[in-house]
Amino acid sequence: MIKIIWIIRALFYKPFFGRFDMISYLGKPIIIFGIKKIYVGKNVRIFPHVRLEAHGENAKITISDDVAIAQNVHITSGANLIIGKASTILANVFITNIDHDYEEIGVHILKQNYVIKDTQIGDNCYIGIGACIQAGTILGNQCIVGANSVVRGKFSDYCVIAGVPAKIIKKYDLERKVWRRTNPDGSYKENI
């Protein structure tokens, strides 16, 4: 029953978004800034207490088909931020493509310019609870991010990433068709 109410809420919100395909749903409460710059694909599940913010003229948030976003997730964008198809984002995650400049001494950081870098989450990624995906992060397809990890950088397809700062700890070996432990640079630790 609750999901039916969330679908009805989505129908109400639909004309205000840049795009909102059905059947997707929105939990309540939700905080949205720059709603016309947010594009939601088909079968997207957005649970309660999510905050979506698109700041500035060039801001855009694209949430692709079949994405699930759990409670208390904060996504903020000042440019192009993309979440790929069939990705899952667990609770208490922060995703951004905005950093605050801090070069001017004596000026409040929030009053300084944004430093914006594209952030992208590939298809079929899994973002663990409490993770932070920082500006400029590019995750390949089917990456797994460990709980409470702080992620910045570019990561290829089929990686398990964990830690503070996050590093690759496993990769899928396409030749051998198994997940293998890696060194922080992504090279395999052991020879099988």
C-alpha atoms as a PDB file:
ATOM      1  CA  MET A   1       0.000   0.000   0.000  1.00  0.00           C
ATOM      2  CA  ILE A   2       2.774   2.456   0.902  1.00  0.00           C
ATOM      3  CA  LYS A   3       4.425   2.027  -2.505  1.00  0.00           C
ATOM      4  CA  ILE A   4       1.134   2.866  -4.221  1.00  0.00           C
ATOM      5  CA  ILE A   5       1.084   6.148  -2.284  1.00  0.00           C
ATOM      6  CA  TRP A   6       4.715   6.774  -3.340  1.00  0.00           C
ATOM      7  CA  ILE A   7       3.738   6.142  -6.995  1.00  0.00           C
ATOM      8  CA  ILE A   8       0.851   8.622  -6.697  1.00  0.00           C
ATOM      9  CA  ARG A   9       3.290  11.158  -5.211  1.00  0.00           C
ATOM     10  CA  ALA A  10       5.616  10.550  -8.181  1.00  0.00           C
ATOM     11  CA  LEU A  11       2.736  11.241 -10.595  1.00  0.00           C
ATOM     12  CA  PHE A  12       2.153  14.538  -8.802  1.00  0.00           C
ATOM     13  CA  TYR A  13       5.861  15.496  -9.016  1.00  0.00           C
ATOM     14  CA  LYS A  14       6.365  14.241 -12.602  1.00  0.00           C
ATOM     15  CA  PRO A  15       5.573  17.516 -14.456  1.00  0.00           C
ATOM     16  CA  PHE A  16       8.092  19.436 -12.338  1.00  0.00           C
ATOM     17  CA  PHE A  17      11.141  17.224 -13.069  1.00  0.00           C
ATOM     18  CA  GLY A  18      13.311  17.496 -16.181  1.00  0.00           C
ATOM     19  CA  ARG A  19      12.139  13.914 -16.793  1.00  0.00           C
ATOM     20  CA  PHE A  20      10.413  11.374 -14.565  1.00  0.00           C
ATOM     21  CA  ASP A  21       9.613   8.029 -16.185  1.00  0.00           C
ATOM     22  CA  MET A  22       7.155   5.556 -14.750  1.00  0.00           C
ATOM     23  CA  ILE A  23       6.795   3.365 -12.835  1.00  0.00           C
ATOM     24  CA  SER A  24       9.185   5.092 -10.465  1.00  0.00           C
ATOM     25  CA  TYR A  25       8.393   6.221  -6.974  1.00  0.00           C
ATOM     26  CA  LEU A  26       9.373   8.770  -4.324  1.00  0.00           C
ATOM     27  CA  GLY A  27       9.302   8.294  -0.581  1.00  0.00           C
ATOM     28  CA  LYS A  28       8.362  11.144   1.731  1.00  0.00           C
ATOM     29  CA  PRO A  29       9.825  13.372   3.003  1.00  0.00           C
ATOM     30  CA  ILE A  30      12.199  14.351   0.220  1.00  0.00           C
ATOM     31  CA  ILE A  31      14.120  17.595  -0.338  1.00  0.00           C
ATOM     32  CA  ILE A  32      14.637  18.717  -3.944  1.00  0.00           C
ATOM     33  CA  PHE A  33      16.443  21.806  -5.314  1.00  0.00           C
ATOM     34  CA  GLY A  34      16.620  22.473  -9.053  1.00  0.00           C
ATOM     35  CA  ILE A  35      13.915  19.933  -9.830  1.00  0.00           C
ATOM     36  CA  LYS A  36      13.845  20.779 -13.576  1.00  0.00           C
ATOM     37  CA  LYS A  37      17.504  19.690 -13.788  1.00  0.00           C
ATOM     38  CA  ILE A  38      16.831  16.227 -12.368  1.00  0.00           C
ATOM     39  CA  TYR A  39      16.124  13.358 -14.782  1.00  0.00           C
ATOM     40  CA  VAL A  40      14.715  10.092 -13.429  1.00  0.00           C
ATOM     41  CA  GLY A  41      14.477   6.911 -15.524  1.00  0.00           C
ATOM     42  CA  LYS A  42      12.016   4.004 -15.400  1.00  0.00           C
ATOM     43  CA  ASN A  43      11.508   1.830 -12.330  1.00  0.00           C
ATOM     44  CA  VAL A  44      13.590   4.063 -10.029  1.00  0.00           C
ATOM     45  CA  ARG A  45      12.978   3.675  -6.304  1.00  0.00           C
ATOM     46  CA  ILE A  46      13.794   6.690  -4.142  1.00  0.00           C
ATOM     47  CA  PHE A  47      13.161   6.034  -0.473  1.00  0.00           C
ATOM     48  CA  PRO A  48      12.344   8.619   2.261  1.00  0.00           C
ATOM     49  CA  HIS A  49      14.673  11.366   3.467  1.00  0.00           C
ATOM     50  CA  VAL A  50      16.605  11.677   0.200  1.00  0.00           C
ATOM     51  CA  ARG A  51      18.013  15.073  -0.742  1.00  0.00           C
ATOM     52  CA  LEU A  52      18.563  15.890  -4.441  1.00  0.00           C
ATOM     53  CA  GLU A  53      20.209  19.230  -5.268  1.00  0.00           C
ATOM     54  CA  ALA A  54      21.070  20.624  -8.706  1.00  0.00           C
ATOM     55  CA  HIS A  55      22.849  23.975  -8.215  1.00  0.00           C
ATOM     56  CA  GLY A  56      23.721  26.390 -10.989  1.00  0.00           C
ATOM     57  CA  GLU A  57      23.013  26.871 -14.649  1.00  0.00           C
ATOM     58  CA  ASN A  58      24.881  23.760 -15.876  1.00  0.00           C
ATOM     59  CA  ALA A  59      23.791  21.408 -13.103  1.00  0.00           C
ATOM     60  CA  LYS A  60      22.181  18.104 -14.022  1.00  0.00           C
ATOM     61  CA  ILE A  61      21.438  14.896 -12.126  1.00  0.00           C
ATOM     62  CA  THR A  62      20.597  11.824 -14.210  1.00  0.00           C
ATOM     63  CA  ILE A  63      19.283   8.766 -12.399  1.00  0.00           C
ATOM     64  CA  SER A  64      19.072   5.951 -14.961  1.00  0.00           C
ATOM     65  CA  ASP A  65      16.555   3.095 -15.162  1.00  0.00           C
ATOM     66  CA  ASP A  66      16.124   0.567 -12.328  1.00  0.00           C
ATOM     67  CA  VAL A  67      18.178   2.481  -9.725  1.00  0.00           C
ATOM     68  CA  ALA A  68      17.387   2.045  -6.026  1.00  0.00           C
ATOM     69  CA  ILE A  69      18.291   4.870  -3.620  1.00  0.00           C
ATOM     70  CA  ALA A  70      17.870   4.114   0.088  1.00  0.00           C
ATOM     71  CA  GLN A  71      17.060   6.440   2.987  1.00  0.00           C
ATOM     72  CA  ASN A  72      19.066   9.527   3.950  1.00  0.00           C
ATOM     73  CA  VAL A  73      21.036   9.792   0.704  1.00  0.00           C
ATOM     74  CA  HIS A  74      22.311  13.243  -0.322  1.00  0.00           C
ATOM     75  CA  ILE A  75      23.135  13.880  -3.997  1.00  0.00           C
ATOM     76  CA  THR A  76      24.337  17.337  -4.974  1.00  0.00           C
ATOM     77  CA  SER A  77      25.422  18.530  -8.419  1.00  0.00           C
ATOM     78  CA  GLY A  78      26.856  21.637 -10.016  1.00  0.00           C
ATOM     79  CA  ALA A  79      27.479  19.997 -13.414  1.00  0.00           C
ATOM     80  CA  ASN A  80      26.789  16.581 -14.906  1.00  0.00           C
ATOM     81  CA  LEU A  81      26.249  13.826 -12.327  1.00  0.00           C
ATOM     82  CA  ILE A  82      25.148  10.423 -13.668  1.00  0.00           C
ATOM     83  CA  ILE A  83      24.011   7.291 -11.840  1.00  0.00           C
ATOM     84  CA  GLY A  84      24.047   4.306 -14.225  1.00  0.00           C
ATOM     85  CA  LYS A  85      21.344   1.706 -14.810  1.00  0.00           C
ATOM     86  CA  ALA A  86      20.503  -0.897 -12.156  1.00  0.00           C
ATOM     87  CA  SER A  87      22.756   0.661  -9.513  1.00  0.00           C
ATOM     88  CA  THR A  88      21.961   0.393  -5.816  1.00  0.00           C
ATOM     89  CA  ILE A  89      22.812   3.130  -3.328  1.00  0.00           C
ATOM     90  CA  LEU A  90      22.403   2.199   0.328  1.00  0.00           C
ATOM     91  CA  ALA A  91      21.480   4.504   3.221  1.00  0.00           C
ATOM     92  CA  ASN A  92      23.469   7.522   4.435  1.00  0.00           C
ATOM     93  CA  VAL A  93      25.489   7.909   1.214  1.00  0.00           C
ATOM     94  CA  PHE A  94      26.753  11.271  -0.078  1.00  0.00           C
ATOM     95  CA  ILE A  95      27.427  11.757  -3.812  1.00  0.00           C
ATOM     96  CA  THR A  96      28.691  15.034  -5.287  1.00  0.00           C
ATOM     97  CA  ASN A  97      30.549  16.681  -8.132  1.00  0.00           C
ATOM     98  CA  ILE A  98      31.150  19.873  -6.122  1.00  0.00           C
ATOM     99  CA  ASP A  99      34.124  20.836  -3.980  1.00  0.00           C
ATOM    100  CA  HIS A 100      34.442  24.211  -2.276  1.00  0.00           C
ATOM    101  CA  ASP A 101      37.514  26.289  -3.036  1.00  0.00           C
ATOM    102  CA  TYR A 102      39.488  27.310   0.062  1.00  0.00           C
ATOM    103  CA  GLU A 103      42.268  29.429  -1.461  1.00  0.00           C
ATOM    104  CA  GLU A 104      41.112  32.793  -0.063  1.00  0.00           C
ATOM    105  CA  ILE A 105      42.320  33.005   3.514  1.00  0.00           C
ATOM    106  CA  GLY A 106      39.863  34.767   5.802  1.00  0.00           C
ATOM    107  CA  VAL A 107      36.893  34.154   3.486  1.00  0.00           C
ATOM    108  CA  HIS A 108      34.264  31.669   4.626  1.00  0.00           C
ATOM    109  CA  ILE A 109      34.628  28.498   2.535  1.00  0.00           C
ATOM    110  CA  LEU A 110      30.912  28.485   1.660  1.00  0.00           C
ATOM    111  CA  LYS A 111      31.356  31.962   0.130  1.00  0.00           C
ATOM    112  CA  GLN A 112      34.187  30.832  -2.152  1.00  0.00           C
ATOM    113  CA  ASN A 113      33.741  29.421  -5.669  1.00  0.00           C
ATOM    114  CA  TYR A 114      32.694  25.871  -6.410  1.00  0.00           C
ATOM    115  CA  VAL A 115      35.274  23.553  -7.934  1.00  0.00           C
ATOM    116  CA  ILE A 116      33.210  21.252 -10.157  1.00  0.00           C
ATOM    117  CA  LYS A 117      34.290  17.914 -11.624  1.00  0.00           C
ATOM    118  CA  ASP A 118      32.018  15.417 -13.398  1.00  0.00           C
ATOM    119  CA  THR A 119      31.034  12.442 -11.262  1.00  0.00           C
ATOM    120  CA  GLN A 120      29.668   9.234 -12.741  1.00  0.00           C
ATOM    121  CA  ILE A 121      28.545   5.918 -11.305  1.00  0.00           C
ATOM    122  CA  GLY A 122      28.504   3.111 -13.893  1.00  0.00           C
ATOM    123  CA  ASP A 123      25.787   0.537 -14.527  1.00  0.00           C
ATOM    124  CA  ASN A 124      24.996  -2.110 -11.911  1.00  0.00           C
ATOM    125  CA  CYS A 125      27.149  -0.533  -9.187  1.00  0.00           C
ATOM    126  CA  TYR A 126      26.578  -1.127  -5.488  1.00  0.00           C
ATOM    127  CA  ILE A 127      27.380   1.725  -3.102  1.00  0.00           C
ATOM    128  CA  GLY A 128      27.646   0.522   0.514  1.00  0.00           C
ATOM    129  CA  ILE A 129      26.072   2.220   3.489  1.00  0.00           C
ATOM    130  CA  GLY A 130      27.664   5.492   4.585  1.00  0.00           C
ATOM    131  CA  ALA A 131      29.972   5.848   1.560  1.00  0.00           C
ATOM    132  CA  CYS A 132      31.073   9.236   0.236  1.00  0.00           C
ATOM    133  CA  ILE A 133      31.515   9.571  -3.541  1.00  0.00           C
ATOM    134  CA  GLN A 134      33.512  12.774  -4.039  1.00  0.00           C
ATOM    135  CA  ALA A 135      33.733  15.198  -6.951  1.00  0.00           C
ATOM    136  CA  GLY A 136      35.519  13.839  -9.999  1.00  0.00           C
ATOM    137  CA  THR A 137      34.881  10.173  -9.215  1.00  0.00           C
ATOM    138  CA  ILE A 138      34.247   7.912 -12.187  1.00  0.00           C
ATOM    139  CA  LEU A 139      33.153   4.367 -11.314  1.00  0.00           C
ATOM    140  CA  GLY A 140      33.111   1.792 -14.093  1.00  0.00           C
ATOM    141  CA  ASN A 141      30.331  -0.763 -14.501  1.00  0.00           C
ATOM    142  CA  GLN A 142      29.584  -3.218 -11.705  1.00  0.00           C
ATOM    143  CA  CYS A 143      31.826  -1.608  -9.100  1.00  0.00           C
ATOM    144  CA  ILE A 144      31.184  -2.362  -5.454  1.00  0.00           C
ATOM    145  CA  VAL A 145      31.999   0.349  -2.902  1.00  0.00           C
ATOM    146  CA  GLY A 146      32.501  -0.799   0.687  1.00  0.00           C
ATOM    147  CA  ALA A 147      30.574   0.668   3.612  1.00  0.00           C
ATOM    148  CA  ASN A 148      31.863   4.022   4.906  1.00  0.00           C
ATOM    149  CA  SER A 149      34.427   4.340   2.108  1.00  0.00           C
ATOM    150  CA  VAL A 150      35.588   7.751   0.877  1.00  0.00           C
ATOM    151  CA  VAL A 151      35.963   7.503  -2.898  1.00  0.00           C
ATOM    152  CA  ARG A 152      37.765   9.874  -5.264  1.00  0.00           C
ATOM    153  CA  GLY A 153      39.324   8.992  -8.607  1.00  0.00           C
ATOM    154  CA  LYS A 154      38.731   6.793 -11.634  1.00  0.00           C
ATOM    155  CA  PHE A 155      38.031   3.086 -11.235  1.00  0.00           C
ATOM    156  CA  SER A 156      37.662   0.539 -14.037  1.00  0.00           C
ATOM    157  CA  ASP A 157      34.804  -1.939 -14.472  1.00  0.00           C
ATOM    158  CA  TYR A 158      34.369  -4.848 -12.023  1.00  0.00           C
ATOM    159  CA  CYS A 159      36.267  -3.444  -9.025  1.00  0.00           C
ATOM    160  CA  VAL A 160      35.653  -3.753  -5.308  1.00  0.00           C
ATOM    161  CA  ILE A 161      36.703  -0.473  -3.714  1.00  0.00           C
ATOM    162  CA  ALA A 162      36.994   0.123   0.034  1.00  0.00           C
ATOM    163  CA  GLY A 163      38.715   2.249   2.652  1.00  0.00           C
ATOM    164  CA  VAL A 164      39.539   5.822   3.548  1.00  0.00           C
ATOM    165  CA  PRO A 165      40.774   6.837   1.069  1.00  0.00           C
ATOM    166  CA  ALA A 166      39.197   4.065  -1.020  1.00  0.00           C
ATOM    167  CA  LYS A 167      41.452   1.763  -2.998  1.00  0.00           C
ATOM    168  CA  ILE A 168      40.803  -1.250  -5.214  1.00  0.00           C
ATOM    169  CA  ILE A 169      40.878  -4.416  -3.086  1.00  0.00           C
ATOM    170  CA  LYS A 170      39.466  -6.888  -5.650  1.00  0.00           C
ATOM    171  CA  LYS A 171      38.846  -7.076  -9.377  1.00  0.00           C
ATOM    172  CA  TYR A 172      36.999  -9.531 -11.532  1.00  0.00           C
ATOM    173  CA  ASP A 173      39.420 -11.495 -13.710  1.00  0.00           C
ATOM    174  CA  LEU A 174      37.599 -11.768 -17.049  1.00  0.00           C
ATOM    175  CA  GLU A 175      39.923 -14.518 -18.313  1.00  0.00           C
ATOM    176  CA  ARG A 176      39.591 -16.769 -15.275  1.00  0.00           C
ATOM    177  CA  LYS A 177      36.037 -15.671 -14.423  1.00  0.00           C
ATOM    178  CA  VAL A 178      36.754 -15.170 -10.704  1.00  0.00           C
ATOM    179  CA  TRP A 179      37.103 -12.228  -8.304  1.00  0.00           C
ATOM    180  CA  ARG A 180      40.748 -11.823  -7.262  1.00  0.00           C
ATOM    181  CA  ARG A 181      42.430  -9.773  -4.534  1.00  0.00           C
ATOM    182  CA  THR A 182      44.511  -6.871  -5.767  1.00  0.00           C
ATOM    183  CA  ASN A 183      47.218  -4.487  -4.722  1.00  0.00           C
ATOM    184  CA  PRO A 184      46.062  -0.860  -4.279  1.00  0.00           C
ATOM    185  CA  ASP A 185      47.098  -0.095  -7.880  1.00  0.00           C
ATOM    186  CA  GLY A 186      44.685  -2.750  -9.154  1.00  0.00           C
ATOM    187  CA  SER A 187      47.264  -5.409 -10.090  1.00  0.00           C
ATOM    188  CA  TYR A 188      46.462  -8.937  -8.892  1.00  0.00           C
ATOM    189  CA  LYS A 189      48.159 -10.057  -5.667  1.00  0.00           C
ATOM    190  CA  GLU A 190      48.428 -13.758  -6.310  1.00  0.00           C
ATOM    191  CA  ASN A 191      48.887 -15.886  -9.382  1.00  0.00           C
ATOM    192  CA  ILE A 192      46.323 -18.638  -9.675  1.00  0.00           C
END
